[in-house]
C-alpha atoms as a PDB file:
ATOM      1  CA  MET A   1      -6.177  14.903  -6.711  1.00  0.00           C
ATOM      2  CA  GLN A   2      -4.510  18.015  -5.141  1.00  0.00           C
ATOM      3  CA  ALA A   3      -1.102  16.199  -5.372  1.00  0.00           C
ATOM      4  CA  GLU A   4      -1.298  15.428  -9.074  1.00  0.00           C
ATOM      5  CA  GLY A   5       1.135  18.307  -9.805  1.00  0.00           C
ATOM      6  CA  ARG A   6       3.667  16.859  -7.445  1.00  0.00           C
ATOM      7  CA  THR A   7       6.494  14.652  -8.706  1.00  0.00           C
ATOM      8  CA  GLU A   8       7.650  13.294  -5.388  1.00  0.00           C
ATOM      9  CA  THR A   9       7.170   9.616  -4.666  1.00  0.00           C
ATOM     10  CA  ARG A  10       5.120   8.682  -1.713  1.00  0.00           C
ATOM     11  CA  THR A  11       4.702   5.297   0.128  1.00  0.00           C
ATOM     12  CA  ILE A  12       1.513   3.775   1.503  1.00  0.00           C
ATOM     13  CA  TYR A  13       1.755   0.757   3.820  1.00  0.00           C
ATOM     14  CA  LEU A  14      -0.601  -2.100   3.946  1.00  0.00           C
ATOM     15  CA  VAL A  15      -0.611  -3.342   7.502  1.00  0.00           C
ATOM     16  CA  MET A  16      -0.926  -7.187   7.705  1.00  0.00           C
ATOM     17  CA  PRO A  17      -0.783  -9.643  10.562  1.00  0.00           C
ATOM     18  CA  SER A  18       2.703 -11.262  10.948  1.00  0.00           C
ATOM     19  CA  TYR A  19       1.345 -14.728  10.067  1.00  0.00           C
ATOM     20  CA  ALA A  20       0.860 -13.394   6.528  1.00  0.00           C
ATOM     21  CA  GLU A  21       4.621 -12.680   6.197  1.00  0.00           C
ATOM     22  CA  GLN A  22       5.230 -15.970   4.631  1.00  0.00           C
ATOM     23  CA  HIS A  23       3.043 -14.821   1.692  1.00  0.00           C
ATOM     24  CA  LYS A  24       4.909 -11.538   1.307  1.00  0.00           C
ATOM     25  CA  HIS A  25       5.966 -12.059  -2.335  1.00  0.00           C
ATOM     26  CA  GLN A  26       2.465 -13.088  -3.454  1.00  0.00           C
ATOM     27  CA  ILE A  27       0.951 -10.136  -1.781  1.00  0.00           C
ATOM     28  CA  ALA A  28       3.317  -7.807  -3.380  1.00  0.00           C
ATOM     29  CA  VAL A  29       2.663  -9.225  -6.750  1.00  0.00           C
ATOM     30  CA  ILE A  30      -1.190  -8.785  -6.083  1.00  0.00           C
ATOM     31  CA  LEU A  31      -0.631  -5.151  -5.040  1.00  0.00           C
ATOM     32  CA  GLU A  32       1.376  -4.384  -8.157  1.00  0.00           C
ATOM     33  CA  LYS A  33      -1.218  -6.050 -10.342  1.00  0.00           C
ATOM     34  CA  GLU A  34      -4.026  -4.104  -8.765  1.00  0.00           C
ATOM     35  CA  LYS A  35      -2.250  -0.888  -9.036  1.00  0.00           C
ATOM     36  CA  LYS A  36      -1.808  -1.355 -12.788  1.00  0.00           C
ATOM     37  CA  ASN A  37      -5.596  -2.141 -13.182  1.00  0.00           C
ATOM     38  CA  LEU A  38      -6.392   0.926 -11.087  1.00  0.00           C
ATOM     39  CA  CYS A  39      -4.111   3.165 -13.097  1.00  0.00           C
ATOM     40  CA  ARG A  40      -6.007   2.404 -16.308  1.00  0.00           C
ATOM     41  CA  SER A  41      -8.384   5.111 -15.425  1.00  0.00           C
ATOM     42  CA  LYS A  42      -6.771   8.577 -16.147  1.00  0.00           C
ATOM     43  CA  THR A  43      -8.277   9.946 -12.895  1.00  0.00           C
ATOM     44  CA  PHE A  44      -6.598   7.242 -10.767  1.00  0.00           C
ATOM     45  CA  GLU A  45      -3.420   7.425 -12.806  1.00  0.00           C
ATOM     46  CA  LYS A  46      -2.957  10.995 -11.755  1.00  0.00           C
ATOM     47  CA  VAL A  47      -3.478  10.083  -8.073  1.00  0.00           C
ATOM     48  CA  PHE A  48      -1.606   6.801  -7.840  1.00  0.00           C
ATOM     49  CA  SER A  49       1.196   7.076 -10.349  1.00  0.00           C
ATOM     50  CA  SER A  50       3.639   8.431  -7.809  1.00  0.00           C
ATOM     51  CA  ILE A  51       2.626   6.206  -4.857  1.00  0.00           C
ATOM     52  CA  ASN A  52       4.408   3.060  -3.892  1.00  0.00           C
ATOM     53  CA  PHE A  53       2.576   0.344  -1.908  1.00  0.00           C
ATOM     54  CA  LYS A  54       4.500  -1.636   0.682  1.00  0.00           C
ATOM     55  CA  ILE A  55       3.629  -4.181   3.332  1.00  0.00           C
ATOM     56  CA  ALA A  56       4.004  -3.759   7.056  1.00  0.00           C
ATOM     57  CA  PHE A  57       3.763  -6.737   9.341  1.00  0.00           C
ATOM     58  CA  ALA A  58       2.712  -6.602  13.093  1.00  0.00           C
ATOM     59  CA  ASN A  59       2.208  -9.257  15.716  1.00  0.00           C
ATOM     60  CA  SER A  60      -0.863  -7.806  17.426  1.00  0.00           C
ATOM     61  CA  LYS A  61      -4.182  -9.650  16.988  1.00  0.00           C
ATOM     62  CA  ASN A  62      -6.069  -6.442  17.598  1.00  0.00           C
ATOM     63  CA  ILE A  63      -6.327  -4.597  14.220  1.00  0.00           C
ATOM     64  CA  LYS A  64      -6.788  -1.218  15.930  1.00  0.00           C
ATOM     65  CA  GLN A  65      -3.655  -1.614  17.920  1.00  0.00           C
ATOM     66  CA  MET A  66      -1.767  -2.857  14.749  1.00  0.00           C
ATOM     67  CA  ILE A  67      -2.574   0.330  12.892  1.00  0.00           C
ATOM     68  CA  VAL A  68      -1.839   2.689  15.802  1.00  0.00           C
ATOM     69  CA  ARG A  69       1.498   1.061  16.480  1.00  0.00           C
ATOM     70  CA  THR A  70       2.605   0.860  12.887  1.00  0.00           C
ATOM     71  CA  LYS A  71       1.960   4.491  11.902  1.00  0.00           C
ATOM     72  CA  ILE A  72       4.816   5.187   9.577  1.00  0.00           C
END
């Protein structure tokens, strides 16, 4: 909420296992659809309007190591 006055665009990465990469397009469509649904609320619109969601793929089976290694 503190960032609502800022106009700069930020990016948040969704870390996914590499075997999900074949579904990259479908996941991106779902993320965009859910962002639109989320932004129907004025409160969430203020927070998420300047945020882009992207997907990062990693090969590790350990979710903790995937997140630590893919800090962007």
